[in-house]
Amino acid sequence: MSSDLDLQRQKRALELRRKMLQSQEKPAAAQPPKPPESARDIVRKILAGRGAEVMETARRYYPAEIQRLESSIAALVAEGRLKGPISGEEFYAFLKRLGLAFSMDVKIRIKEHGELKSIEEKLRQPST
């Protein structure tokens, strides 16, 4: 009688272990593979400051060239040959050296008493 109970306990323990192993294997296999990142996303990750703004402005002027440039830069990042953040100023200078000339929207603002004011607003104010 005792051996029957021991045998049943062992079977039950074995079954529980099997179910545990199966449940551990499922999440690892159930995770779908991540789709590859687009070249645009890869390039955006390495652009710092106003880099994304420079990229979008350049895209408006030169859409085909920027698309090819993005794929080239993404390939360099994937190979590990290009690292680190690229500031907007550096990226703008790089595009200019490539011959892609375009103008950026420039806003000059003055910080006065913790408040940002445009030059126009500053000149309108009576001087104190």
C-alpha atoms as a PDB file:
ATOM      1  CA  MET A   1       0.000   0.000   0.000  1.00  0.00           C
ATOM      2  CA  SER A   2       2.797   2.355   0.909  1.00  0.00           C
ATOM      3  CA  SER A   3       4.659   1.562  -2.305  1.00  0.00           C
ATOM      4  CA  ASP A   4       1.519   2.364  -4.348  1.00  0.00           C
ATOM      5  CA  LEU A   5       1.286   5.791  -2.726  1.00  0.00           C
ATOM      6  CA  ASP A   6       4.992   6.426  -3.292  1.00  0.00           C
ATOM      7  CA  LEU A   7       4.628   5.383  -6.920  1.00  0.00           C
ATOM      8  CA  GLN A   8       1.660   7.746  -7.399  1.00  0.00           C
ATOM      9  CA  ARG A   9       3.560  10.636  -5.763  1.00  0.00           C
ATOM     10  CA  GLN A  10       6.549  10.028  -7.997  1.00  0.00           C
ATOM     11  CA  LYS A  11       4.331   9.953 -11.105  1.00  0.00           C
ATOM     12  CA  ARG A  12       2.616  13.156 -10.000  1.00  0.00           C
ATOM     13  CA  ALA A  13       5.977  14.871  -9.302  1.00  0.00           C
ATOM     14  CA  LEU A  14       7.295  13.747 -12.682  1.00  0.00           C
ATOM     15  CA  GLU A  15       4.193  15.079 -14.417  1.00  0.00           C
ATOM     16  CA  LEU A  16       4.525  18.427 -12.617  1.00  0.00           C
ATOM     17  CA  ARG A  17       8.186  18.713 -13.654  1.00  0.00           C
ATOM     18  CA  ARG A  18       7.290  17.949 -17.253  1.00  0.00           C
ATOM     19  CA  LYS A  19       4.576  20.645 -17.241  1.00  0.00           C
ATOM     20  CA  MET A  20       6.997  23.143 -15.679  1.00  0.00           C
ATOM     21  CA  LEU A  21       9.605  22.471 -18.346  1.00  0.00           C
ATOM     22  CA  GLN A  22       7.028  22.834 -21.095  1.00  0.00           C
ATOM     23  CA  SER A  23       5.798  26.138 -19.673  1.00  0.00           C
ATOM     24  CA  GLN A  24       9.379  27.442 -19.494  1.00  0.00           C
ATOM     25  CA  GLU A  25      10.038  26.507 -23.117  1.00  0.00           C
ATOM     26  CA  LYS A  26       6.885  28.182 -24.448  1.00  0.00           C
ATOM     27  CA  PRO A  27       7.737  31.842 -23.662  1.00  0.00           C
ATOM     28  CA  ALA A  28      11.147  31.514 -25.270  1.00  0.00           C
ATOM     29  CA  ALA A  29       9.650  29.992 -28.419  1.00  0.00           C
ATOM     30  CA  ALA A  30       6.529  32.194 -28.364  1.00  0.00           C
ATOM     31  CA  GLN A  31       8.444  35.470 -28.727  1.00  0.00           C
ATOM     32  CA  PRO A  32       8.182  36.508 -32.356  1.00  0.00           C
ATOM     33  CA  PRO A  33      11.412  37.650 -33.966  1.00  0.00           C
ATOM     34  CA  LYS A  34      11.757  41.416 -34.019  1.00  0.00           C
ATOM     35  CA  PRO A  35      11.322  42.958 -37.438  1.00  0.00           C
ATOM     36  CA  PRO A  36      14.519  44.594 -38.649  1.00  0.00           C
ATOM     37  CA  GLU A  37      14.742  48.289 -37.879  1.00  0.00           C
ATOM     38  CA  SER A  38      14.402  50.676 -40.750  1.00  0.00           C
ATOM     39  CA  ALA A  39      17.395  52.719 -41.804  1.00  0.00           C
ATOM     40  CA  ARG A  40      15.569  55.866 -40.703  1.00  0.00           C
ATOM     41  CA  ASP A  41      15.179  54.567 -37.132  1.00  0.00           C
ATOM     42  CA  ILE A  42      18.821  53.489 -36.920  1.00  0.00           C
ATOM     43  CA  VAL A  43      20.041  56.905 -38.080  1.00  0.00           C
ATOM     44  CA  ARG A  44      17.683  58.736 -35.717  1.00  0.00           C
ATOM     45  CA  LYS A  45      19.163  56.853 -32.765  1.00  0.00           C
ATOM     46  CA  ILE A  46      22.632  58.260 -33.399  1.00  0.00           C
ATOM     47  CA  LEU A  47      21.509  61.835 -34.133  1.00  0.00           C
ATOM     48  CA  ALA A  48      21.629  64.171 -31.150  1.00  0.00           C
ATOM     49  CA  GLY A  49      20.325  67.664 -30.517  1.00  0.00           C
ATOM     50  CA  ARG A  50      18.707  69.083 -33.615  1.00  0.00           C
ATOM     51  CA  GLY A  51      20.003  66.230 -35.766  1.00  0.00           C
ATOM     52  CA  ALA A  52      16.539  64.797 -36.405  1.00  0.00           C
ATOM     53  CA  GLU A  53      15.289  68.249 -37.404  1.00  0.00           C
ATOM     54  CA  VAL A  54      18.207  68.664 -39.833  1.00  0.00           C
ATOM     55  CA  MET A  55      17.431  65.240 -41.308  1.00  0.00           C
ATOM     56  CA  GLU A  56      13.754  66.038 -41.848  1.00  0.00           C
ATOM     57  CA  THR A  57      14.514  69.449 -43.367  1.00  0.00           C
ATOM     58  CA  ALA A  58      17.052  67.882 -45.735  1.00  0.00           C
ATOM     59  CA  ARG A  59      14.500  65.202 -46.646  1.00  0.00           C
ATOM     60  CA  ARG A  60      12.066  67.903 -47.799  1.00  0.00           C
ATOM     61  CA  TYR A  61      14.689  69.299 -50.188  1.00  0.00           C
ATOM     62  CA  TYR A  62      16.388  66.044 -51.278  1.00  0.00           C
ATOM     63  CA  PRO A  63      14.146  63.007 -50.553  1.00  0.00           C
ATOM     64  CA  ALA A  64      15.909  60.466 -52.797  1.00  0.00           C
ATOM     65  CA  GLU A  65      19.421  61.476 -51.757  1.00  0.00           C
ATOM     66  CA  ILE A  66      18.579  61.419 -48.045  1.00  0.00           C
ATOM     67  CA  GLN A  67      17.014  57.975 -48.382  1.00  0.00           C
ATOM     68  CA  ARG A  68      20.221  56.621 -49.959  1.00  0.00           C
ATOM     69  CA  LEU A  69      22.328  58.417 -47.366  1.00  0.00           C
ATOM     70  CA  GLU A  70      20.241  56.929 -44.542  1.00  0.00           C
ATOM     71  CA  SER A  71      20.754  53.410 -45.820  1.00  0.00           C
ATOM     72  CA  SER A  72      24.518  54.021 -46.121  1.00  0.00           C
ATOM     73  CA  ILE A  73      24.753  55.468 -42.608  1.00  0.00           C
ATOM     74  CA  ALA A  74      22.640  52.619 -41.199  1.00  0.00           C
ATOM     75  CA  ALA A  75      24.996  50.093 -42.822  1.00  0.00           C
ATOM     76  CA  LEU A  76      28.007  51.840 -41.257  1.00  0.00           C
ATOM     77  CA  VAL A  77      26.320  51.774 -37.844  1.00  0.00           C
ATOM     78  CA  ALA A  78      25.459  48.090 -38.228  1.00  0.00           C
ATOM     79  CA  GLU A  79      29.087  47.301 -39.120  1.00  0.00           C
ATOM     80  CA  GLY A  80      30.274  49.275 -36.103  1.00  0.00           C
ATOM     81  CA  ARG A  81      32.275  51.725 -38.206  1.00  0.00           C
ATOM     82  CA  LEU A  82      30.154  54.706 -37.124  1.00  0.00           C
ATOM     83  CA  LYS A  83      29.420  55.242 -33.455  1.00  0.00           C
ATOM     84  CA  GLY A  84      28.319  57.863 -31.047  1.00  0.00           C
ATOM     85  CA  PRO A  85      25.958  60.749 -31.237  1.00  0.00           C
ATOM     86  CA  ILE A  86      26.140  63.111 -34.179  1.00  0.00           C
ATOM     87  CA  SER A  87      25.006  66.637 -33.367  1.00  0.00           C
ATOM     88  CA  GLY A  88      22.714  68.569 -35.650  1.00  0.00           C
ATOM     89  CA  GLU A  89      25.491  71.028 -36.461  1.00  0.00           C
ATOM     90  CA  GLU A  90      27.913  68.275 -37.452  1.00  0.00           C
ATOM     91  CA  PHE A  91      25.263  66.570 -39.560  1.00  0.00           C
ATOM     92  CA  TYR A  92      24.346  69.850 -41.286  1.00  0.00           C
ATOM     93  CA  ALA A  93      28.020  70.534 -42.085  1.00  0.00           C
ATOM     94  CA  PHE A  94      28.402  66.978 -43.420  1.00  0.00           C
ATOM     95  CA  LEU A  95      25.392  67.381 -45.722  1.00  0.00           C
ATOM     96  CA  LYS A  96      26.742  70.715 -46.955  1.00  0.00           C
ATOM     97  CA  ARG A  97      30.098  69.097 -47.783  1.00  0.00           C
ATOM     98  CA  LEU A  98      28.198  66.508 -49.810  1.00  0.00           C
ATOM     99  CA  GLY A  99      26.667  69.337 -51.826  1.00  0.00           C
ATOM    100  CA  LEU A 100      23.198  69.173 -50.292  1.00  0.00           C
ATOM    101  CA  ALA A 101      22.642  72.856 -49.554  1.00  0.00           C
ATOM    102  CA  PHE A 102      19.432  73.867 -47.799  1.00  0.00           C
ATOM    103  CA  SER A 103      18.351  76.434 -45.252  1.00  0.00           C
ATOM    104  CA  MET A 104      17.228  75.653 -41.743  1.00  0.00           C
ATOM    105  CA  ASP A 105      14.503  77.498 -39.894  1.00  0.00           C
ATOM    106  CA  VAL A 106      16.406  79.721 -37.473  1.00  0.00           C
ATOM    107  CA  LYS A 107      14.753  81.328 -34.472  1.00  0.00           C
ATOM    108  CA  ILE A 108      16.733  83.581 -32.197  1.00  0.00           C
ATOM    109  CA  ARG A 109      15.216  83.935 -28.755  1.00  0.00           C
ATOM    110  CA  ILE A 110      16.426  85.809 -25.725  1.00  0.00           C
ATOM    111  CA  LYS A 111      15.986  84.487 -22.223  1.00  0.00           C
ATOM    112  CA  GLU A 112      14.986  87.276 -19.881  1.00  0.00           C
ATOM    113  CA  HIS A 113      13.789  86.712 -16.333  1.00  0.00           C
ATOM    114  CA  GLY A 114      13.292  83.003 -17.044  1.00  0.00           C
ATOM    115  CA  GLU A 115      11.123  83.716 -20.084  1.00  0.00           C
ATOM    116  CA  LEU A 116      12.046  83.151 -23.735  1.00  0.00           C
ATOM    117  CA  LYS A 117      11.250  86.105 -25.984  1.00  0.00           C
ATOM    118  CA  SER A 118      11.760  86.614 -29.690  1.00  0.00           C
ATOM    119  CA  ILE A 119      13.851  89.534 -30.875  1.00  0.00           C
ATOM    120  CA  GLU A 120      10.666  91.187 -32.106  1.00  0.00           C
ATOM    121  CA  GLU A 121       9.090  90.986 -28.633  1.00  0.00           C
ATOM    122  CA  LYS A 122      12.288  92.256 -27.044  1.00  0.00           C
ATOM    123  CA  LEU A 123      12.431  95.298 -29.348  1.00  0.00           C
ATOM    124  CA  ARG A 124       8.747  96.129 -28.748  1.00  0.00           C
ATOM    125  CA  GLN A 125       9.233  96.350 -25.001  1.00  0.00           C
ATOM    126  CA  PRO A 126       9.921  99.777 -23.628  1.00  0.00           C
ATOM    127  CA  SER A 127      13.433  99.889 -22.269  1.00  0.00           C
ATOM    128  CA  THR A 128      13.647 100.024 -18.498  1.00  0.00           C
END
